[in-house]
Amino acid sequence: MLEPSLINALKEDLEAIKPLQSVINQEYIASNQADRIDNVFVGSNQECIDKIRKDIRDMKERVDKVVVLWTANTEMFMTPTMDTVEDLFQRVGRDTNLPSSVLFAIAAIEEQVLYLNGSPQNTFHKGVVEYAKEKGAFLAGSDFKSGQTRFKTVMSDFLIGSGLRLSAVMSYNHLGNNDGKNLQEDKCFQSKRISKAGVIDDAIASNQILYPKGNDKIDHEVIIKYAPFVGDSKRAIDEYSSLIFMNGVNTLSTYNVCEDSLLATPLMYDMIVLGELMTRIQINNKPMGPVLSYLNFFFKAPISNHDEYVINSFSRQRDSLINFLKVAGGMQPDDGTMLMFGF
């Protein structure tokens, strides 16, 4: 992805970086990742949490602010879920190994640093969110929304907002990076499928005329294949079929070459900067959180502090974030009525 001249210019600086040992539970990722696991700390769940906490504390001595950003392998969904803090720590003490993303989340919460989950597994169990609330820590996630999925939220907004009953969405993509390799095992792919599947639910729920109760489900499938040759240039092919006047069918097909990492990296900068800002904002003398839901603009499977109110629509997420920042900056939020211009 980077020009050879740039890599060569940074060679000495890059060679000087020594990665810290990480913690990992191989049961939760694809078996084809085994040859990459060569710098791992081994211990009990609590020992792993303590190790991560020490790394965070050491980093705090070197920088002004620490943010933990999970960009590692997609893990399989963890069952059963941990619905209380008591459940969470019973599993910490009882299980041989918890998913690495959960161990990182616990360590980040205990060190009171922002934890951003960039992968689709269900890291944020109710018990994890409740623990963050107890500790005054901050969370946001899950699963970066950059290429195909972000476009899908825009298209579903457009079609349904135009009065067309979107009835089937078929998404196929193939990619050649390690993310694609890890997703070849079904246990990991199911996390991604679940994450991608819910991105148009908000647009559907916004129009109860097109989607009355009992008739609010559509055909929506996601297929991902590993093709090493294409590298980081993911090929995304989507087909959007809408039911129109006189039961006609309008089909729109798209082909998108998504540069996976180059699309995701700027989002990481944005969510780190905005997330850090939000950890310092108070509303009515109370901090935000524990879930920084205004960051949901950047995630495929957004979570919030209120399960009954999760926004997944691209336009609504963007409007919410922009207007929040305007209010925080002492500016008037947008008024979509345009009544200030008269009738």
Protein backbone atom coordinates (compact mmCIF):
# COMPACT_ATOMS: atom_id res chain seq x y z
CA MET A 1 0.00 0.00 0.00
CA LEU A 2 2.92 2.34 0.68
CA GLU A 3 5.35 3.55 -1.94
CA PRO A 4 8.78 1.82 -1.71
CA SER A 5 10.50 5.20 -1.48
CA LEU A 6 8.46 6.09 1.60
CA ILE A 7 9.18 2.73 3.25
CA ASN A 8 12.90 3.12 2.54
CA ALA A 9 12.91 6.64 3.96
CA LEU A 10 11.34 5.34 7.18
CA LYS A 11 13.38 2.15 7.36
CA GLU A 12 15.50 3.07 10.39
CA ASP A 13 12.52 4.41 12.33
CA LEU A 14 10.41 1.34 11.56
CA GLU A 15 13.20 -1.10 12.44
CA ALA A 16 13.56 0.62 15.81
CA ILE A 17 9.96 -0.21 16.74
CA LYS A 18 9.71 -3.38 18.79
CA PRO A 19 6.12 -4.66 19.10
CA LEU A 20 4.96 -5.50 22.60
CA GLN A 21 3.81 -9.01 23.33
CA SER A 22 0.07 -9.36 22.95
CA VAL A 23 -2.48 -11.81 24.33
CA ILE A 24 -4.58 -14.06 22.15
CA ASN A 25 -7.01 -16.95 22.38
CA GLN A 26 -6.56 -18.99 19.20
CA GLU A 27 -9.89 -20.76 19.72
CA TYR A 28 -11.67 -17.55 18.70
CA ILE A 29 -9.84 -16.91 15.42
CA ALA A 30 -9.16 -18.95 12.27
CA SER A 31 -6.67 -21.80 12.48
CA ASN A 32 -4.89 -20.37 9.41
CA GLN A 33 -3.53 -17.57 11.64
CA ALA A 34 -1.32 -19.93 13.65
CA ASP A 35 1.89 -19.14 11.73
CA ARG A 36 1.52 -15.41 12.50
CA ILE A 37 1.29 -15.88 16.27
CA ASP A 38 4.91 -15.43 17.31
CA ASN A 39 4.97 -12.67 19.96
CA VAL A 40 2.43 -13.74 22.56
CA PHE A 41 2.14 -13.45 26.32
CA VAL A 42 0.74 -16.64 27.86
CA GLY A 43 -1.12 -16.64 31.17
CA SER A 44 -4.49 -16.81 32.87
CA ASN A 45 -7.22 -14.33 32.01
CA GLN A 46 -6.29 -12.18 35.02
CA GLU A 47 -2.56 -12.36 34.25
CA CYS A 48 -3.29 -11.26 30.67
CA ILE A 49 -5.41 -8.35 31.90
CA ASP A 50 -2.64 -7.32 34.31
CA LYS A 51 -0.07 -7.49 31.50
CA ILE A 52 -2.17 -5.25 29.23
CA ARG A 53 -2.77 -2.81 32.09
CA LYS A 54 0.99 -2.56 32.69
CA ASP A 55 1.56 -1.82 28.98
CA ILE A 56 -1.08 0.93 29.14
CA ARG A 57 0.47 2.43 32.28
CA ASP A 58 3.93 2.35 30.69
CA MET A 59 2.55 4.16 27.66
CA LYS A 60 0.88 6.78 29.87
CA GLU A 61 4.36 7.74 31.10
CA ARG A 62 5.46 8.42 27.52
CA VAL A 63 2.47 10.27 26.07
CA ASP A 64 -0.25 12.71 27.18
CA LYS A 65 -3.22 10.48 26.36
CA VAL A 66 -3.75 6.77 25.65
CA VAL A 67 -6.53 5.39 23.45
CA VAL A 68 -6.86 1.64 22.84
CA LEU A 69 -7.95 0.85 19.28
CA TRP A 70 -8.71 -2.81 18.46
CA THR A 71 -7.78 -3.56 14.83
CA ALA A 72 -6.90 -7.22 15.30
CA ASN A 73 -8.47 -10.36 13.85
CA THR A 74 -12.22 -10.81 13.72
CA GLU A 75 -13.08 -13.25 16.49
CA MET A 76 -16.06 -15.59 16.53
CA PHE A 77 -19.11 -14.55 18.54
CA MET A 78 -18.83 -15.49 22.19
CA THR A 79 -21.68 -17.45 23.77
CA PRO A 80 -23.20 -17.37 26.25
CA THR A 81 -23.08 -13.62 26.70
CA MET A 82 -22.03 -11.97 29.93
CA ASP A 83 -25.00 -9.86 30.99
CA THR A 84 -23.76 -8.53 34.33
CA VAL A 85 -20.47 -7.46 35.87
CA GLU A 86 -20.73 -10.52 38.12
CA ASP A 87 -21.05 -12.75 35.03
CA LEU A 88 -18.04 -11.05 33.51
CA PHE A 89 -15.70 -11.69 36.42
CA GLN A 90 -16.98 -15.19 37.03
CA ARG A 91 -15.86 -15.95 33.48
CA VAL A 92 -12.54 -14.18 34.05
CA GLY A 93 -11.83 -16.41 37.02
CA ARG A 94 -13.35 -19.63 35.69
CA ASP A 95 -12.64 -19.92 31.95
CA THR A 96 -9.28 -20.97 30.60
CA ASN A 97 -9.19 -18.17 28.04
CA LEU A 98 -11.62 -15.39 27.17
CA PRO A 99 -11.50 -13.67 23.76
CA SER A 100 -8.57 -11.29 23.53
CA SER A 101 -10.81 -8.36 22.66
CA VAL A 102 -12.70 -8.78 25.96
CA LEU A 103 -9.44 -8.94 27.95
CA PHE A 104 -8.24 -5.74 26.26
CA ALA A 105 -11.60 -4.11 26.99
CA ILE A 106 -11.42 -4.99 30.70
CA ALA A 107 -7.83 -3.68 30.94
CA ALA A 108 -8.76 -0.43 29.15
CA ILE A 109 -11.78 0.06 31.42
CA GLU A 110 -9.71 -0.48 34.57
CA GLU A 111 -7.11 2.01 33.31
CA GLN A 112 -9.98 4.39 32.36
CA VAL A 113 -8.87 4.85 28.76
CA LEU A 114 -11.10 4.94 25.69
CA TYR A 115 -11.52 1.55 23.99
CA LEU A 116 -12.57 1.48 20.33
CA ASN A 117 -13.59 -1.89 18.85
CA GLY A 118 -12.83 -2.02 15.15
CA SER A 119 -13.83 -5.67 14.59
CA PRO A 120 -17.32 -7.22 14.46
CA GLN A 121 -17.27 -9.76 17.30
CA ASN A 122 -19.54 -9.17 20.30
CA THR A 123 -16.87 -7.72 22.59
CA PHE A 124 -19.27 -5.34 24.29
CA HIS A 125 -21.40 -7.68 26.35
CA LYS A 126 -23.86 -5.98 28.71
CA GLY A 127 -21.55 -6.82 31.60
CA VAL A 128 -18.62 -5.07 29.88
CA VAL A 129 -20.67 -1.93 29.23
CA GLU A 130 -21.94 -1.93 32.83
CA TYR A 131 -18.39 -2.30 34.12
CA ALA A 132 -17.28 0.68 32.00
CA LYS A 133 -20.12 2.69 33.52
CA GLU A 134 -19.02 1.74 37.04
CA LYS A 135 -15.42 2.72 36.34
CA GLY A 136 -16.16 5.92 34.41
CA ALA A 137 -14.49 4.55 31.28
CA PHE A 138 -15.50 5.00 27.63
CA LEU A 139 -16.31 2.58 24.80
CA ALA A 140 -17.27 2.81 21.13
CA GLY A 141 -17.86 0.28 18.36
CA SER A 142 -18.17 -2.07 16.67
CA ASP A 143 -16.53 -2.88 13.29
CA PHE A 144 -15.13 -0.11 11.09
CA LYS A 145 -17.50 1.10 8.38
CA SER A 146 -15.42 2.31 5.45
CA GLY A 147 -16.05 0.85 1.98
CA GLN A 148 -18.83 -1.43 0.81
CA THR A 149 -20.92 -1.19 3.96
CA ARG A 150 -20.79 2.60 4.16
CA PHE A 151 -21.93 2.77 0.54
CA LYS A 152 -24.74 0.34 1.36
CA THR A 153 -26.08 2.59 4.13
CA VAL A 154 -26.10 5.50 1.68
CA MET A 155 -27.88 3.47 -1.01
CA SER A 156 -30.55 2.14 1.36
CA ASP A 157 -31.19 5.70 2.59
CA PHE A 158 -31.49 6.90 -1.00
CA LEU A 159 -33.76 4.14 -2.29
CA ILE A 160 -36.12 3.94 0.68
CA GLY A 161 -36.09 7.72 1.09
CA SER A 162 -37.17 7.97 -2.57
CA GLY A 163 -40.21 5.83 -1.85
CA LEU A 164 -38.86 2.66 -3.46
CA ARG A 165 -39.39 -0.53 -1.48
CA LEU A 166 -35.92 -2.03 -1.30
CA SER A 167 -36.69 -5.76 -1.27
CA ALA A 168 -33.40 -7.58 -1.81
CA VAL A 169 -29.75 -6.71 -1.28
CA MET A 170 -27.10 -9.21 -2.38
CA SER A 171 -23.50 -8.39 -1.46
CA TYR A 172 -20.48 -10.30 -2.70
CA ASN A 173 -16.86 -9.37 -2.07
CA HIS A 174 -13.46 -10.93 -2.36
CA LEU A 175 -10.19 -9.68 -0.90
CA GLY A 176 -6.65 -10.89 -0.42
CA ASN A 177 -5.41 -9.40 2.83
CA ASN A 178 -5.16 -11.18 6.17
CA ASP A 179 -8.66 -10.05 7.11
CA GLY A 180 -9.99 -12.05 4.17
CA LYS A 181 -7.84 -15.03 5.10
CA ASN A 182 -9.12 -15.06 8.69
CA LEU A 183 -12.74 -14.78 7.50
CA GLN A 184 -12.45 -18.02 5.53
CA GLU A 185 -13.35 -19.99 8.64
CA ASP A 186 -17.07 -19.93 9.22
CA LYS A 187 -16.83 -19.18 12.95
CA CYS A 188 -15.13 -15.86 12.13
CA PHE A 189 -17.20 -15.12 9.03
CA GLN A 190 -20.45 -15.32 11.03
CA SER A 191 -19.32 -12.33 13.14
CA LYS A 192 -18.76 -10.32 9.97
CA ARG A 193 -22.03 -11.48 8.42
CA ILE A 194 -24.00 -10.40 11.49
CA SER A 195 -22.20 -7.05 11.56
CA LYS A 196 -22.89 -6.34 7.89
CA ALA A 197 -26.47 -7.62 7.98
CA GLY A 198 -27.91 -4.95 10.26
CA VAL A 199 -26.73 -1.84 8.43
CA ILE A 200 -29.99 -1.25 6.53
CA ASP A 201 -32.37 -1.99 9.41
CA ASP A 202 -32.55 1.67 10.40
CA ALA A 203 -33.56 2.78 6.90
CA ILE A 204 -36.26 0.09 6.81
CA ALA A 205 -37.59 1.06 10.25
CA SER A 206 -37.85 4.70 9.13
CA ASN A 207 -40.65 3.96 6.64
CA GLN A 208 -43.58 2.00 8.04
CA ILE A 209 -45.64 2.66 4.91
CA LEU A 210 -43.24 0.71 2.72
CA TYR A 211 -42.47 -1.74 5.52
CA PRO A 212 -45.56 -2.26 7.70
CA LYS A 213 -45.24 -4.42 10.79
CA GLY A 214 -45.12 -8.07 9.78
CA ASN A 215 -43.82 -7.19 6.32
CA ASP A 216 -40.59 -5.49 7.31
CA LYS A 217 -38.02 -8.15 6.36
CA ILE A 218 -36.05 -8.25 3.11
CA ASP A 219 -33.66 -10.68 1.46
CA HIS A 220 -30.16 -9.61 2.46
CA GLU A 221 -27.13 -11.86 1.96
CA VAL A 222 -23.41 -11.23 2.38
CA ILE A 223 -20.71 -13.44 0.82
CA ILE A 224 -16.96 -13.00 1.40
CA LYS A 225 -14.24 -14.95 -0.42
CA TYR A 226 -10.47 -14.95 -0.03
CA ALA A 227 -8.44 -14.19 -3.18
CA PRO A 228 -4.78 -13.55 -2.27
CA PHE A 229 -3.88 -11.99 -5.63
CA VAL A 230 -6.01 -8.84 -5.15
CA GLY A 231 -4.32 -8.02 -1.84
CA ASP A 232 -5.85 -5.06 -0.02
CA SER A 233 -7.99 -4.03 -3.02
CA LYS A 234 -11.30 -5.59 -2.05
CA ARG A 235 -13.74 -6.12 -4.92
CA ALA A 236 -17.29 -5.41 -3.77
CA ILE A 237 -20.28 -6.25 -5.97
CA ASP A 238 -23.77 -5.33 -4.78
CA GLU A 239 -27.23 -5.74 -6.25
CA TYR A 240 -30.13 -3.65 -4.94
CA SER A 241 -33.59 -4.74 -6.10
CA SER A 242 -36.60 -2.54 -5.33
CA LEU A 243 -40.31 -3.15 -5.79
CA ILE A 244 -41.79 -0.19 -7.71
CA PHE A 245 -45.07 0.93 -9.31
CA MET A 246 -47.37 -1.85 -10.64
CA ASN A 247 -45.14 -4.44 -8.93
CA GLY A 248 -42.28 -3.68 -11.27
CA VAL A 249 -38.73 -4.36 -10.14
CA ASN A 250 -35.90 -1.85 -10.37
CA THR A 251 -32.41 -3.32 -9.92
CA LEU A 252 -29.25 -1.31 -9.38
CA SER A 253 -25.89 -3.12 -9.53
CA THR A 254 -22.63 -1.59 -8.29
CA TYR A 255 -18.98 -2.58 -8.51
CA ASN A 256 -16.62 -0.98 -6.01
CA VAL A 257 -12.86 -1.53 -5.67
CA CYS A 258 -12.36 -0.75 -1.98
CA GLU A 259 -8.81 -0.09 -0.81
CA ASP A 260 -9.49 -1.61 2.59
CA SER A 261 -6.70 -0.25 4.76
CA LEU A 262 -6.39 3.10 2.99
CA LEU A 263 -10.11 3.71 3.52
CA ALA A 264 -10.07 2.60 7.17
CA THR A 265 -6.94 4.38 8.39
CA PRO A 266 -8.28 7.97 8.10
CA LEU A 267 -11.39 6.85 9.99
CA MET A 268 -9.14 5.64 12.80
CA TYR A 269 -7.57 9.09 13.06
CA ASP A 270 -11.00 10.74 13.08
CA MET A 271 -12.52 8.48 15.72
CA ILE A 272 -9.45 8.75 17.98
CA VAL A 273 -9.46 12.56 17.82
CA LEU A 274 -13.23 12.88 18.23
CA GLY A 275 -13.39 10.14 20.86
CA GLU A 276 -10.68 11.76 22.96
CA LEU A 277 -12.55 15.07 22.73
CA MET A 278 -15.78 13.43 23.89
CA THR A 279 -14.08 11.95 26.95
CA ARG A 280 -13.55 15.57 28.11
CA ILE A 281 -17.07 16.86 27.36
CA GLN A 282 -19.70 17.08 30.08
CA ILE A 283 -23.44 17.58 29.58
CA ASN A 284 -25.28 19.10 32.55
CA ASN A 285 -22.14 18.48 34.60
CA LYS A 286 -22.16 14.79 33.75
CA PRO A 287 -19.65 12.98 31.52
CA MET A 288 -20.81 11.25 28.37
CA GLY A 289 -20.80 7.49 28.07
CA PRO A 290 -19.92 4.90 28.86
CA VAL A 291 -20.73 4.33 25.16
CA LEU A 292 -19.76 7.29 22.95
CA SER A 293 -22.65 6.69 20.57
CA TYR A 294 -21.93 9.77 18.45
CA LEU A 295 -18.96 7.81 17.08
CA ASN A 296 -21.38 5.29 15.54
CA PHE A 297 -20.91 7.11 12.22
CA PHE A 298 -17.67 5.09 11.93
CA PHE A 299 -19.03 1.62 12.80
CA LYS A 300 -21.05 -1.08 11.01
CA ALA A 301 -22.62 -2.53 14.17
CA PRO A 302 -23.18 0.51 16.37
CA ILE A 303 -24.00 0.30 20.04
CA SER A 304 -25.42 2.96 22.33
CA ASN A 305 -26.35 3.51 25.95
CA HIS A 306 -29.97 2.82 24.99
CA ASP A 307 -30.70 -0.46 23.20
CA GLU A 308 -34.03 0.91 22.02
CA TYR A 309 -32.41 3.80 20.13
CA VAL A 310 -29.50 2.86 17.87
CA ILE A 311 -28.99 4.87 14.66
CA ASN A 312 -27.45 3.05 11.68
CA SER A 313 -28.55 5.31 8.82
CA PHE A 314 -25.58 7.11 7.21
CA SER A 315 -27.34 10.47 6.91
CA ARG A 316 -28.84 10.40 10.41
CA GLN A 317 -25.52 9.37 11.97
CA ARG A 318 -23.73 12.17 10.13
CA ASP A 319 -26.33 14.79 11.06
CA SER A 320 -26.24 13.72 14.71
CA LEU A 321 -22.44 13.93 14.90
CA ILE A 322 -22.19 17.28 13.12
CA ASN A 323 -24.94 18.88 15.17
CA PHE A 324 -23.46 17.56 18.41
CA LEU A 325 -20.10 19.13 17.52
CA LYS A 326 -21.81 22.41 16.63
CA VAL A 327 -23.57 22.52 19.99
CA ALA A 328 -20.31 21.63 21.78
CA GLY A 329 -18.64 24.52 19.93
CA GLY A 330 -21.37 27.00 20.87
CA MET A 331 -22.85 27.08 17.36
CA GLN A 332 -26.48 26.84 16.31
CA PRO A 333 -27.32 23.27 15.16
CA ASP A 334 -28.75 22.76 11.69
CA ASP A 335 -32.45 23.42 11.27
CA GLY A 336 -33.77 21.29 8.42
CA THR A 337 -37.13 23.08 8.34
CA MET A 338 -35.64 26.18 6.61
CA LEU A 339 -38.38 28.25 8.30
CA MET A 340 -35.88 31.04 8.89
CA PHE A 341 -36.36 32.00 5.21
CA GLY A 342 -40.13 32.49 5.62
CA PHE A 343 -42.94 30.72 3.80
